[in-house]
């Protein structure tokens, strides 16, 4: 898609910034939209920055060929109104921008969190979604955002739509997944369930960015949905200890019972919901669903229809993260 013009929302964030850099490296004129002006300045010059919240987009005049919608409120805990505003209403603003500016295709970044459940799930296909999943507000909002986009496509408001669900992004500058694990490791030790033998998928952020670039021209334009991972499922314990060893840290692991932990998380959520300010509980059911059970994705459709192949291996991604963390220490 060299020479095309593409707006990237959430470009001041982890994934969005990497997408902008990947597009530019492949000859795409990328416009970076986001709220953090300083972060935007690190990925785009002034002529290619669109500062502000998603709510400003419907009034922006910027003809583009496509939009890659990365912006989202992604957290295991929060008020429903915040998820609704960021992830549902925000997506509606992207649709309005695309319609105003003649964008042919929207590539939407959804989340495999919508597959989350209190059981092992292996080789999950894109269709295996419980539309009524209410494990947390983030999941509800991401399901609703996908539905909004599919409705806009069916009604002709947008011309083409491709949905991508990348699992567990890691890489230098990751603000969430591995830093959360390392923080828990430092404070109390990482909970370990089933001996840490539960198998999970993660994705190097560079691979996710490449998949989104491919989705600009490949894939089913009539609402095709694609799982993305590194295609290297690994036992949770091996993934964690591999990173800790690269950081020179002795693993602190705390064996726990899944059933007891789930009951505790449910109780904590009930308590913290009514506390002033509604702070995040130290343990949530969603967090447990990601670290206590096996969850791997089938990416055969992405391989066949997007031409996706992971370029950065899992070990290389972990090494990059470790080097970044050592440099920042």
C-alpha atoms as a PDB file:
ATOM      1  CA  UNK A   1       0.000   0.000   0.000  1.00  0.00           C
ATOM      2  CA  UNK A   2       2.951   2.303  -0.630  1.00  0.00           C
ATOM      3  CA  UNK A   3       1.836   5.872  -1.263  1.00  0.00           C
ATOM      4  CA  UNK A   4      -1.480   5.496   0.550  1.00  0.00           C
ATOM      5  CA  UNK A   5      -2.728   7.860   3.257  1.00  0.00           C
ATOM      6  CA  UNK A   6      -3.796   6.268   6.543  1.00  0.00           C
ATOM      7  CA  UNK A   7      -5.006   7.686   9.847  1.00  0.00           C
ATOM      8  CA  UNK A   8      -3.902   5.748  12.934  1.00  0.00           C
ATOM      9  CA  UNK A   9      -5.881   6.384  16.104  1.00  0.00           C
ATOM     10  CA  UNK A  10      -4.243   5.789  19.470  1.00  0.00           C
ATOM     11  CA  UNK A  11      -0.905   6.666  17.883  1.00  0.00           C
ATOM     12  CA  UNK A  12       0.351   8.079  21.176  1.00  0.00           C
ATOM     13  CA  UNK A  13      -0.013   4.600  22.676  1.00  0.00           C
ATOM     14  CA  UNK A  14       2.082   1.445  22.588  1.00  0.00           C
ATOM     15  CA  UNK A  15       0.510  -0.336  19.628  1.00  0.00           C
ATOM     16  CA  UNK A  16      -0.499   2.774  17.693  1.00  0.00           C
ATOM     17  CA  UNK A  17       2.993   4.259  17.817  1.00  0.00           C
ATOM     18  CA  UNK A  18       4.479   1.041  16.497  1.00  0.00           C
ATOM     19  CA  UNK A  19       1.881   0.950  13.719  1.00  0.00           C
ATOM     20  CA  UNK A  20       2.784   4.477  12.592  1.00  0.00           C
ATOM     21  CA  UNK A  21       6.473   3.587  12.472  1.00  0.00           C
ATOM     22  CA  UNK A  22       5.772   0.360  10.565  1.00  0.00           C
ATOM     23  CA  UNK A  23       3.593   2.125   7.994  1.00  0.00           C
ATOM     24  CA  UNK A  24       6.168   4.841   7.384  1.00  0.00           C
ATOM     25  CA  UNK A  25       8.878   2.213   6.933  1.00  0.00           C
ATOM     26  CA  UNK A  26       6.744   0.687   4.174  1.00  0.00           C
ATOM     27  CA  UNK A  27       6.075   3.904   2.269  1.00  0.00           C
ATOM     28  CA  UNK A  28       2.641   4.690   3.701  1.00  0.00           C
ATOM     29  CA  UNK A  29       1.806   8.284   4.602  1.00  0.00           C
ATOM     30  CA  UNK A  30       0.621   7.817   8.175  1.00  0.00           C
ATOM     31  CA  UNK A  31      -1.260  10.436  10.186  1.00  0.00           C
ATOM     32  CA  UNK A  32      -1.001  10.000  13.960  1.00  0.00           C
ATOM     33  CA  UNK A  33      -4.055  10.758  16.098  1.00  0.00           C
ATOM     34  CA  UNK A  34      -3.962  10.726  19.888  1.00  0.00           C
ATOM     35  CA  UNK A  35      -4.297  12.693  23.084  1.00  0.00           C
ATOM     36  CA  UNK A  36      -0.679  12.680  24.283  1.00  0.00           C
ATOM     37  CA  UNK A  37       0.962  15.471  22.292  1.00  0.00           C
ATOM     38  CA  UNK A  38       4.489  14.624  23.438  1.00  0.00           C
ATOM     39  CA  UNK A  39       4.093  10.987  22.436  1.00  0.00           C
ATOM     40  CA  UNK A  40       2.664  11.990  19.051  1.00  0.00           C
ATOM     41  CA  UNK A  41       5.692  14.176  18.434  1.00  0.00           C
ATOM     42  CA  UNK A  42       7.920  11.125  18.813  1.00  0.00           C
ATOM     43  CA  UNK A  43       6.219   9.280  15.952  1.00  0.00           C
ATOM     44  CA  UNK A  44       5.134  11.997  13.498  1.00  0.00           C
ATOM     45  CA  UNK A  45       5.995  15.510  12.342  1.00  0.00           C
ATOM     46  CA  UNK A  46       3.603  18.401  12.890  1.00  0.00           C
ATOM     47  CA  UNK A  47       1.960  18.005   9.476  1.00  0.00           C
ATOM     48  CA  UNK A  48       1.043  14.394  10.287  1.00  0.00           C
ATOM     49  CA  UNK A  49      -0.283  14.842  13.827  1.00  0.00           C
ATOM     50  CA  UNK A  50      -3.964  14.987  14.779  1.00  0.00           C
ATOM     51  CA  UNK A  51      -3.966  15.811  18.508  1.00  0.00           C
ATOM     52  CA  UNK A  52      -7.007  15.359  20.681  1.00  0.00           C
ATOM     53  CA  UNK A  53      -9.539  12.828  21.881  1.00  0.00           C
ATOM     54  CA  UNK A  54     -11.523  10.693  19.455  1.00  0.00           C
ATOM     55  CA  UNK A  55     -14.447  13.079  19.896  1.00  0.00           C
ATOM     56  CA  UNK A  56     -12.663  15.677  17.714  1.00  0.00           C
ATOM     57  CA  UNK A  57     -12.395  13.379  14.697  1.00  0.00           C
ATOM     58  CA  UNK A  58     -15.893  13.859  13.205  1.00  0.00           C
ATOM     59  CA  UNK A  59     -15.029  17.529  12.567  1.00  0.00           C
ATOM     60  CA  UNK A  60     -11.568  16.875  11.080  1.00  0.00           C
ATOM     61  CA  UNK A  61     -11.074  17.309   7.334  1.00  0.00           C
ATOM     62  CA  UNK A  62      -8.322  14.906   6.312  1.00  0.00           C
ATOM     63  CA  UNK A  63      -8.922  12.781   3.206  1.00  0.00           C
ATOM     64  CA  UNK A  64      -7.378   9.340   3.745  1.00  0.00           C
ATOM     65  CA  UNK A  65      -7.622   5.931   2.133  1.00  0.00           C
ATOM     66  CA  UNK A  66      -8.119   4.031   5.382  1.00  0.00           C
ATOM     67  CA  UNK A  67      -8.200   4.221   9.171  1.00  0.00           C
ATOM     68  CA  UNK A  68      -6.444   1.853  11.577  1.00  0.00           C
ATOM     69  CA  UNK A  69      -8.341   2.223  14.832  1.00  0.00           C
ATOM     70  CA  UNK A  70      -6.004   1.333  17.710  1.00  0.00           C
ATOM     71  CA  UNK A  71      -7.313   3.733  20.361  1.00  0.00           C
ATOM     72  CA  UNK A  72      -9.090   2.120  23.300  1.00  0.00           C
ATOM     73  CA  UNK A  73      -9.415   2.135  27.048  1.00  0.00           C
ATOM     74  CA  UNK A  74      -7.775  -1.200  27.880  1.00  0.00           C
ATOM     75  CA  UNK A  75      -7.783  -2.099  31.558  1.00  0.00           C
ATOM     76  CA  UNK A  76      -9.216  -4.947  33.630  1.00  0.00           C
ATOM     77  CA  UNK A  77     -11.145  -2.567  35.867  1.00  0.00           C
ATOM     78  CA  UNK A  78     -13.075   0.650  35.435  1.00  0.00           C
ATOM     79  CA  UNK A  79     -16.474   2.342  35.315  1.00  0.00           C
ATOM     80  CA  UNK A  80     -18.787   1.258  32.502  1.00  0.00           C
ATOM     81  CA  UNK A  81     -19.349   4.860  31.407  1.00  0.00           C
ATOM     82  CA  UNK A  82     -15.604   5.213  30.781  1.00  0.00           C
ATOM     83  CA  UNK A  83     -15.482   2.070  28.638  1.00  0.00           C
ATOM     84  CA  UNK A  84     -18.620   3.123  26.786  1.00  0.00           C
ATOM     85  CA  UNK A  85     -17.232   6.580  26.037  1.00  0.00           C
ATOM     86  CA  UNK A  86     -13.786   5.388  24.951  1.00  0.00           C
ATOM     87  CA  UNK A  87     -14.510   2.137  23.156  1.00  0.00           C
ATOM     88  CA  UNK A  88     -18.070   2.394  21.837  1.00  0.00           C
ATOM     89  CA  UNK A  89     -18.675   6.109  21.368  1.00  0.00           C
ATOM     90  CA  UNK A  90     -15.023   6.494  20.348  1.00  0.00           C
ATOM     91  CA  UNK A  91     -15.502   3.920  17.598  1.00  0.00           C
ATOM     92  CA  UNK A  92     -18.609   5.779  16.440  1.00  0.00           C
ATOM     93  CA  UNK A  93     -16.453   8.917  16.111  1.00  0.00           C
ATOM     94  CA  UNK A  94     -14.020   6.959  13.913  1.00  0.00           C
ATOM     95  CA  UNK A  95     -16.897   5.859  11.688  1.00  0.00           C
ATOM     96  CA  UNK A  96     -18.024   9.481  11.361  1.00  0.00           C
ATOM     97  CA  UNK A  97     -14.490  10.549  10.441  1.00  0.00           C
ATOM     98  CA  UNK A  98     -14.190   7.796   7.838  1.00  0.00           C
ATOM     99  CA  UNK A  99     -17.488   8.757   6.250  1.00  0.00           C
ATOM    100  CA  UNK A 100     -16.624  12.471   6.175  1.00  0.00           C
ATOM    101  CA  UNK A 101     -13.197  11.896   4.639  1.00  0.00           C
ATOM    102  CA  UNK A 102     -13.918   9.101   2.192  1.00  0.00           C
ATOM    103  CA  UNK A 103     -11.840   6.424   3.926  1.00  0.00           C
ATOM    104  CA  UNK A 104     -12.367   3.202   1.995  1.00  0.00           C
ATOM    105  CA  UNK A 105     -11.556   0.781   4.825  1.00  0.00           C
ATOM    106  CA  UNK A 106     -11.540   0.714   8.606  1.00  0.00           C
ATOM    107  CA  UNK A 107      -9.121  -1.730  10.204  1.00  0.00           C
ATOM    108  CA  UNK A 108     -10.309  -2.139  13.756  1.00  0.00           C
ATOM    109  CA  UNK A 109      -8.157  -3.414  16.613  1.00  0.00           C
ATOM    110  CA  UNK A 110     -10.370  -5.555  18.791  1.00  0.00           C
ATOM    111  CA  UNK A 111      -9.236  -7.928  21.543  1.00  0.00           C
ATOM    112  CA  UNK A 112      -9.068 -11.679  22.245  1.00  0.00           C
ATOM    113  CA  UNK A 113     -10.151 -10.704  25.755  1.00  0.00           C
ATOM    114  CA  UNK A 114     -13.648 -11.320  24.428  1.00  0.00           C
ATOM    115  CA  UNK A 115     -12.829 -15.067  24.485  1.00  0.00           C
ATOM    116  CA  UNK A 116     -12.036 -14.962  28.217  1.00  0.00           C
ATOM    117  CA  UNK A 117     -13.640 -17.588  30.439  1.00  0.00           C
ATOM    118  CA  UNK A 118     -12.970 -19.536  33.625  1.00  0.00           C
ATOM    119  CA  UNK A 119     -11.820 -22.610  31.738  1.00  0.00           C
ATOM    120  CA  UNK A 120      -9.065 -23.764  29.425  1.00  0.00           C
ATOM    121  CA  UNK A 121      -9.626 -22.815  25.781  1.00  0.00           C
ATOM    122  CA  UNK A 122      -7.199 -23.976  23.116  1.00  0.00           C
ATOM    123  CA  UNK A 123      -6.965 -23.074  19.406  1.00  0.00           C
ATOM    124  CA  UNK A 124      -9.877 -20.647  19.632  1.00  0.00           C
ATOM    125  CA  UNK A 125     -11.322 -19.633  16.285  1.00  0.00           C
ATOM    126  CA  UNK A 126     -12.680 -16.178  15.498  1.00  0.00           C
ATOM    127  CA  UNK A 127     -16.302 -17.309  15.605  1.00  0.00           C
ATOM    128  CA  UNK A 128     -16.065 -18.772  19.117  1.00  0.00           C
ATOM    129  CA  UNK A 129     -17.228 -15.648  20.944  1.00  0.00           C
ATOM    130  CA  UNK A 130     -19.854 -15.494  23.660  1.00  0.00           C
ATOM    131  CA  UNK A 131     -21.683 -12.284  22.742  1.00  0.00           C
ATOM    132  CA  UNK A 132     -23.062 -12.147  26.266  1.00  0.00           C
ATOM    133  CA  UNK A 133     -19.650 -12.219  27.979  1.00  0.00           C
ATOM    134  CA  UNK A 134     -19.865  -9.765  30.874  1.00  0.00           C
ATOM    135  CA  UNK A 135     -16.671 -10.641  32.721  1.00  0.00           C
ATOM    136  CA  UNK A 136     -15.739  -6.953  32.779  1.00  0.00           C
ATOM    137  CA  UNK A 137     -16.577  -3.641  31.166  1.00  0.00           C
ATOM    138  CA  UNK A 138     -13.671  -3.778  28.749  1.00  0.00           C
ATOM    139  CA  UNK A 139     -14.889  -7.050  27.231  1.00  0.00           C
ATOM    140  CA  UNK A 140     -18.465  -5.794  26.970  1.00  0.00           C
ATOM    141  CA  UNK A 141     -17.329  -2.604  25.256  1.00  0.00           C
ATOM    142  CA  UNK A 142     -15.090  -4.381  22.732  1.00  0.00           C
ATOM    143  CA  UNK A 143     -17.916  -6.743  21.751  1.00  0.00           C
ATOM    144  CA  UNK A 144     -20.227  -3.750  21.382  1.00  0.00           C
ATOM    145  CA  UNK A 145     -17.660  -1.848  19.277  1.00  0.00           C
ATOM    146  CA  UNK A 146     -17.341  -4.774  16.869  1.00  0.00           C
ATOM    147  CA  UNK A 147     -21.138  -4.927  16.604  1.00  0.00           C
ATOM    148  CA  UNK A 148     -21.323  -1.177  15.913  1.00  0.00           C
ATOM    149  CA  UNK A 149     -18.822  -1.488  13.071  1.00  0.00           C
ATOM    150  CA  UNK A 150     -20.544  -4.510  11.554  1.00  0.00           C
ATOM    151  CA  UNK A 151     -23.852  -2.589  11.639  1.00  0.00           C
ATOM    152  CA  UNK A 152     -22.197   0.419   9.960  1.00  0.00           C
ATOM    153  CA  UNK A 153     -20.844  -1.883   7.248  1.00  0.00           C
ATOM    154  CA  UNK A 154     -24.198  -3.564   6.608  1.00  0.00           C
ATOM    155  CA  UNK A 155     -25.963  -0.207   6.377  1.00  0.00           C
ATOM    156  CA  UNK A 156     -23.402   1.179   3.913  1.00  0.00           C
ATOM    157  CA  UNK A 157     -22.085   3.871   6.261  1.00  0.00           C
ATOM    158  CA  UNK A 158     -18.592   2.435   5.771  1.00  0.00           C
ATOM    159  CA  UNK A 159     -17.393   0.611   2.674  1.00  0.00           C
ATOM    160  CA  UNK A 160     -14.938  -1.981   4.006  1.00  0.00           C
ATOM    161  CA  UNK A 161     -14.123  -3.404   7.414  1.00  0.00           C
ATOM    162  CA  UNK A 162     -11.447  -5.752   8.742  1.00  0.00           C
ATOM    163  CA  UNK A 163     -11.230  -6.641  12.441  1.00  0.00           C
ATOM    164  CA  UNK A 164      -7.962  -7.821  14.024  1.00  0.00           C
ATOM    165  CA  UNK A 165      -7.661  -9.383  17.480  1.00  0.00           C
ATOM    166  CA  UNK A 166      -3.991  -9.438  18.628  1.00  0.00           C
ATOM    167  CA  UNK A 167      -3.271 -11.434  21.796  1.00  0.00           C
ATOM    168  CA  UNK A 168      -1.097 -10.144  24.654  1.00  0.00           C
ATOM    169  CA  UNK A 169       1.154  -7.483  23.132  1.00  0.00           C
ATOM    170  CA  UNK A 170       4.759  -7.368  24.350  1.00  0.00           C
ATOM    171  CA  UNK A 171       7.736  -5.261  23.361  1.00  0.00           C
ATOM    172  CA  UNK A 172       9.900  -2.329  24.468  1.00  0.00           C
ATOM    173  CA  UNK A 173       7.632   0.283  26.008  1.00  0.00           C
ATOM    174  CA  UNK A 174       4.830  -2.165  26.856  1.00  0.00           C
ATOM    175  CA  UNK A 175       2.834  -0.275  29.501  1.00  0.00           C
ATOM    176  CA  UNK A 176       0.650  -3.124  30.656  1.00  0.00           C
ATOM    177  CA  UNK A 177       1.149  -6.875  30.363  1.00  0.00           C
ATOM    178  CA  UNK A 178       4.725  -7.609  31.434  1.00  0.00           C
ATOM    179  CA  UNK A 179       5.080  -4.533  33.695  1.00  0.00           C
ATOM    180  CA  UNK A 180       2.008  -5.685  35.643  1.00  0.00           C
ATOM    181  CA  UNK A 181       3.487  -9.152  36.078  1.00  0.00           C
ATOM    182  CA  UNK A 182       6.836  -7.742  37.145  1.00  0.00           C
ATOM    183  CA  UNK A 183       5.158  -5.420  39.653  1.00  0.00           C
ATOM    184  CA  UNK A 184       3.256  -8.321  41.203  1.00  0.00           C
ATOM    185  CA  UNK A 185       6.483 -10.356  41.224  1.00  0.00           C
ATOM    186  CA  UNK A 186       8.284  -7.581  43.069  1.00  0.00           C
ATOM    187  CA  UNK A 187       5.530  -7.033  45.636  1.00  0.00           C
ATOM    188  CA  UNK A 188       4.222 -10.476  46.544  1.00  0.00           C
ATOM    189  CA  UNK A 189       5.365 -13.009  43.955  1.00  0.00           C
ATOM    190  CA  UNK A 190       3.437 -14.166  40.894  1.00  0.00           C
ATOM    191  CA  UNK A 191       0.483 -16.500  41.526  1.00  0.00           C
ATOM    192  CA  UNK A 192       0.993 -19.859  39.841  1.00  0.00           C
ATOM    193  CA  UNK A 193      -1.895 -22.111  38.917  1.00  0.00           C
ATOM    194  CA  UNK A 194      -1.792 -25.722  37.745  1.00  0.00           C
ATOM    195  CA  UNK A 195       1.965 -25.642  38.239  1.00  0.00           C
ATOM    196  CA  UNK A 196       2.224 -22.922  35.611  1.00  0.00           C
ATOM    197  CA  UNK A 197       1.583 -25.515  32.909  1.00  0.00           C
ATOM    198  CA  UNK A 198      -1.330 -23.544  31.453  1.00  0.00           C
ATOM    199  CA  UNK A 199      -0.379 -22.541  27.909  1.00  0.00           C
ATOM    200  CA  UNK A 200      -0.857 -18.991  26.649  1.00  0.00           C
ATOM    201  CA  UNK A 201      -0.235 -16.940  23.522  1.00  0.00           C
ATOM    202  CA  UNK A 202       1.413 -13.525  23.289  1.00  0.00           C
ATOM    203  CA  UNK A 203       2.368 -11.330  20.348  1.00  0.00           C
ATOM    204  CA  UNK A 204       5.423  -9.192  19.640  1.00  0.00           C
ATOM    205  CA  UNK A 205       4.101  -5.698  19.017  1.00  0.00           C
ATOM    206  CA  UNK A 206       6.090  -5.508  15.775  1.00  0.00           C
ATOM    207  CA  UNK A 207       4.188  -8.538  14.483  1.00  0.00           C
ATOM    208  CA  UNK A 208       0.843  -7.004  15.430  1.00  0.00           C
ATOM    209  CA  UNK A 209       1.783  -3.789  13.605  1.00  0.00           C
ATOM    210  CA  UNK A 210       2.696  -5.791  10.500  1.00  0.00           C
ATOM    211  CA  UNK A 211      -0.644  -7.627  10.651  1.00  0.00           C
ATOM    212  CA  UNK A 212      -2.522  -4.332  10.751  1.00  0.00           C
ATOM    213  CA  UNK A 213      -0.577  -3.079   7.734  1.00  0.00           C
ATOM    214  CA  UNK A 214      -1.481  -6.245   5.837  1.00  0.00           C
ATOM    215  CA  UNK A 215      -5.132  -5.731   6.791  1.00  0.00           C
ATOM    216  CA  UNK A 216      -5.173  -2.458   4.851  1.00  0.00           C
ATOM    217  CA  UNK A 217      -5.167  -4.353   1.559  1.00  0.00           C
ATOM    218  CA  UNK A 218      -5.695  -8.022   2.397  1.00  0.00           C
ATOM    219  CA  UNK A 219      -8.409  -9.971   4.145  1.00  0.00           C
ATOM    220  CA  UNK A 220     -12.159 -10.108   3.713  1.00  0.00           C
ATOM    221  CA  UNK A 221     -13.372  -6.495   3.327  1.00  0.00           C
ATOM    222  CA  UNK A 222     -16.894  -7.532   4.319  1.00  0.00           C
ATOM    223  CA  UNK A 223     -16.090  -7.625   8.023  1.00  0.00           C
ATOM    224  CA  UNK A 224     -13.379 -10.297   8.118  1.00  0.00           C
ATOM    225  CA  UNK A 225     -12.095 -11.080  11.617  1.00  0.00           C
ATOM    226  CA  UNK A 226      -8.552 -12.318  12.305  1.00  0.00           C
ATOM    227  CA  UNK A 227      -6.756 -13.634  15.381  1.00  0.00           C
ATOM    228  CA  UNK A 228      -3.108 -12.597  15.664  1.00  0.00           C
ATOM    229  CA  UNK A 229      -0.440 -14.169  17.880  1.00  0.00           C
ATOM    230  CA  UNK A 230       3.230 -15.063  17.674  1.00  0.00           C
ATOM    231  CA  UNK A 231       2.085 -18.612  16.890  1.00  0.00           C
ATOM    232  CA  UNK A 232       4.353 -19.871  19.683  1.00  0.00           C
ATOM    233  CA  UNK A 233       2.123 -21.026  22.578  1.00  0.00           C
ATOM    234  CA  UNK A 234       4.157 -21.373  25.749  1.00  0.00           C
ATOM    235  CA  UNK A 235       3.537 -22.522  29.304  1.00  0.00           C
ATOM    236  CA  UNK A 236       2.924 -19.544  31.576  1.00  0.00           C
ATOM    237  CA  UNK A 237       5.691 -20.569  33.951  1.00  0.00           C
ATOM    238  CA  UNK A 238       8.246 -20.895  31.154  1.00  0.00           C
ATOM    239  CA  UNK A 239       7.311 -17.523  29.704  1.00  0.00           C
ATOM    240  CA  UNK A 240       7.589 -15.770  33.048  1.00  0.00           C
ATOM    241  CA  UNK A 241      10.800 -17.425  34.252  1.00  0.00           C
ATOM    242  CA  UNK A 242      12.431 -16.865  30.878  1.00  0.00           C
ATOM    243  CA  UNK A 243      11.908 -13.112  31.224  1.00  0.00           C
ATOM    244  CA  UNK A 244      12.938 -13.031  34.881  1.00  0.00           C
ATOM    245  CA  UNK A 245      16.173 -14.886  34.153  1.00  0.00           C
ATOM    246  CA  UNK A 246      17.070 -12.379  31.434  1.00  0.00           C
ATOM    247  CA  UNK A 247      16.538  -9.631  34.000  1.00  0.00           C
ATOM    248  CA  UNK A 248      18.709 -11.428  36.542  1.00  0.00           C
ATOM    249  CA  UNK A 249      15.776 -11.922  38.918  1.00  0.00           C
ATOM    250  CA  UNK A 250      15.091 -15.015  40.982  1.00  0.00           C
ATOM    251  CA  UNK A 251      11.546 -16.204  40.277  1.00  0.00           C
ATOM    252  CA  UNK A 252       9.117 -15.671  43.162  1.00  0.00           C
ATOM    253  CA  UNK A 253       6.173 -17.951  42.440  1.00  0.00           C
ATOM    254  CA  UNK A 254       3.167 -18.570  44.675  1.00  0.00           C
ATOM    255  CA  UNK A 255       1.222 -21.780  43.961  1.00  0.00           C
ATOM    256  CA  UNK A 256      -2.511 -21.142  44.282  1.00  0.00           C
ATOM    257  CA  UNK A 257      -5.778 -22.995  43.795  1.00  0.00           C
ATOM    258  CA  UNK A 258      -7.835 -21.769  40.847  1.00  0.00           C
ATOM    259  CA  UNK A 259     -11.223 -22.318  42.460  1.00  0.00           C
ATOM    260  CA  UNK A 260     -10.267 -20.545  45.687  1.00  0.00           C
ATOM    261  CA  UNK A 261      -8.649 -17.676  43.775  1.00  0.00           C
ATOM    262  CA  UNK A 262     -11.741 -17.234  41.594  1.00  0.00           C
ATOM    263  CA  UNK A 263     -13.967 -17.042  44.676  1.00  0.00           C
ATOM    264  CA  UNK A 264     -11.614 -14.495  46.241  1.00  0.00           C
ATOM    265  CA  UNK A 265     -11.522 -12.384  43.084  1.00  0.00           C
ATOM    266  CA  UNK A 266     -15.325 -12.384  42.871  1.00  0.00           C
ATOM    267  CA  UNK A 267     -15.588 -11.251  46.479  1.00  0.00           C
ATOM    268  CA  UNK A 268     -12.966  -8.543  46.011  1.00  0.00           C
ATOM    269  CA  UNK A 269     -14.746  -7.168  42.946  1.00  0.00           C
ATOM    270  CA  UNK A 270     -17.977  -6.926  44.931  1.00  0.00           C
ATOM    271  CA  UNK A 271     -16.240  -5.050  47.730  1.00  0.00           C
ATOM    272  CA  UNK A 272     -14.199  -2.692  45.565  1.00  0.00           C
ATOM    273  CA  UNK A 273     -17.222  -1.799  43.440  1.00  0.00           C
ATOM    274  CA  UNK A 274     -18.793   0.005  46.402  1.00  0.00           C
ATOM    275  CA  UNK A 275     -15.623   1.612  47.777  1.00  0.00           C
ATOM    276  CA  UNK A 276     -15.204   5.375  47.254  1.00  0.00           C
ATOM    277  CA  UNK A 277     -13.458   5.992  43.937  1.00  0.00           C
ATOM    278  CA  UNK A 278     -14.019   2.357  42.933  1.00  0.00           C
ATOM    279  CA  UNK A 279     -10.291   1.437  43.069  1.00  0.00           C
ATOM    280  CA  UNK A 280      -8.997  -1.600  41.195  1.00  0.00           C
ATOM    281  CA  UNK A 281      -8.991  -4.782  43.304  1.00  0.00           C
ATOM    282  CA  UNK A 282      -5.647  -6.552  43.818  1.00  0.00           C
ATOM    283  CA  UNK A 283      -7.106  -9.533  41.940  1.00  0.00           C
ATOM    284  CA  UNK A 284      -9.870  -9.653  39.307  1.00  0.00           C
ATOM    285  CA  UNK A 285     -11.641 -12.520  37.565  1.00  0.00           C
ATOM    286  CA  UNK A 286     -10.410 -11.213  34.219  1.00  0.00           C
ATOM    287  CA  UNK A 287      -6.784 -11.269  35.368  1.00  0.00           C
ATOM    288  CA  UNK A 288      -7.270 -14.826  36.583  1.00  0.00           C
ATOM    289  CA  UNK A 289      -8.753 -15.843  33.244  1.00  0.00           C
ATOM    290  CA  UNK A 290      -5.510 -14.750  31.553  1.00  0.00           C
ATOM    291  CA  UNK A 291      -2.971 -16.338  33.922  1.00  0.00           C
ATOM    292  CA  UNK A 292      -4.758 -19.307  35.494  1.00  0.00           C
ATOM    293  CA  UNK A 293      -6.130 -21.038  32.392  1.00  0.00           C
ATOM    294  CA  UNK A 294      -4.781 -22.085  29.020  1.00  0.00           C
ATOM    295  CA  UNK A 295      -5.835 -19.814  26.182  1.00  0.00           C
ATOM    296  CA  UNK A 296      -4.407 -20.124  22.687  1.00  0.00           C
ATOM    297  CA  UNK A 297      -5.710 -18.818  19.380  1.00  0.00           C
ATOM    298  CA  UNK A 298      -5.993 -20.391  15.950  1.00  0.00           C
ATOM    299  CA  UNK A 299      -4.370 -17.968  13.479  1.00  0.00           C
ATOM    300  CA  UNK A 300      -4.784 -20.104  10.369  1.00  0.00           C
ATOM    301  CA  UNK A 301      -7.244 -17.621   8.887  1.00  0.00           C
ATOM    302  CA  UNK A 302      -4.796 -14.736   9.268  1.00  0.00           C
ATOM    303  CA  UNK A 303      -2.113 -16.800   7.585  1.00  0.00           C
ATOM    304  CA  UNK A 304      -4.360 -17.782   4.687  1.00  0.00           C
ATOM    305  CA  UNK A 305      -6.186 -14.493   4.063  1.00  0.00           C
ATOM    306  CA  UNK A 306      -3.852 -11.760   5.341  1.00  0.00           C
ATOM    307  CA  UNK A 307      -0.615 -13.508   4.429  1.00  0.00           C
ATOM    308  CA  UNK A 308       0.469 -12.996   8.042  1.00  0.00           C
ATOM    309  CA  UNK A 309       3.684 -14.599   9.273  1.00  0.00           C
ATOM    310  CA  UNK A 310       5.317 -13.585  12.597  1.00  0.00           C
ATOM    311  CA  UNK A 311       8.710 -12.024  11.890  1.00  0.00           C
ATOM    312  CA  UNK A 312       9.893 -11.371  15.459  1.00  0.00           C
ATOM    313  CA  UNK A 313      10.170 -14.594  17.482  1.00  0.00           C
ATOM    314  CA  UNK A 314       8.930 -14.837  21.041  1.00  0.00           C
ATOM    315  CA  UNK A 315      12.453 -15.266  22.411  1.00  0.00           C
ATOM    316  CA  UNK A 316      13.633 -12.238  20.459  1.00  0.00           C
ATOM    317  CA  UNK A 317      10.695 -10.190  21.734  1.00  0.00           C
ATOM    318  CA  UNK A 318      11.438 -11.160  25.340  1.00  0.00           C
ATOM    319  CA  UNK A 319      15.106 -10.286  24.854  1.00  0.00           C
ATOM    320  CA  UNK A 320      14.141  -6.850  23.524  1.00  0.00           C
ATOM    321  CA  UNK A 321      11.846  -6.244  26.487  1.00  0.00           C
ATOM    322  CA  UNK A 322      14.548  -7.304  28.942  1.00  0.00           C
ATOM    323  CA  UNK A 323      17.146  -5.050  27.288  1.00  0.00           C
ATOM    324  CA  UNK A 324      14.722  -2.119  27.400  1.00  0.00           C
ATOM    325  CA  UNK A 325      13.933  -2.683  31.076  1.00  0.00           C
ATOM    326  CA  UNK A 326      17.613  -3.020  32.013  1.00  0.00           C
ATOM    327  CA  UNK A 327      18.411   0.224  30.175  1.00  0.00           C
ATOM    328  CA  UNK A 328      15.575   2.029  31.948  1.00  0.00           C
ATOM    329  CA  UNK A 329      16.539   0.764  35.416  1.00  0.00           C
END
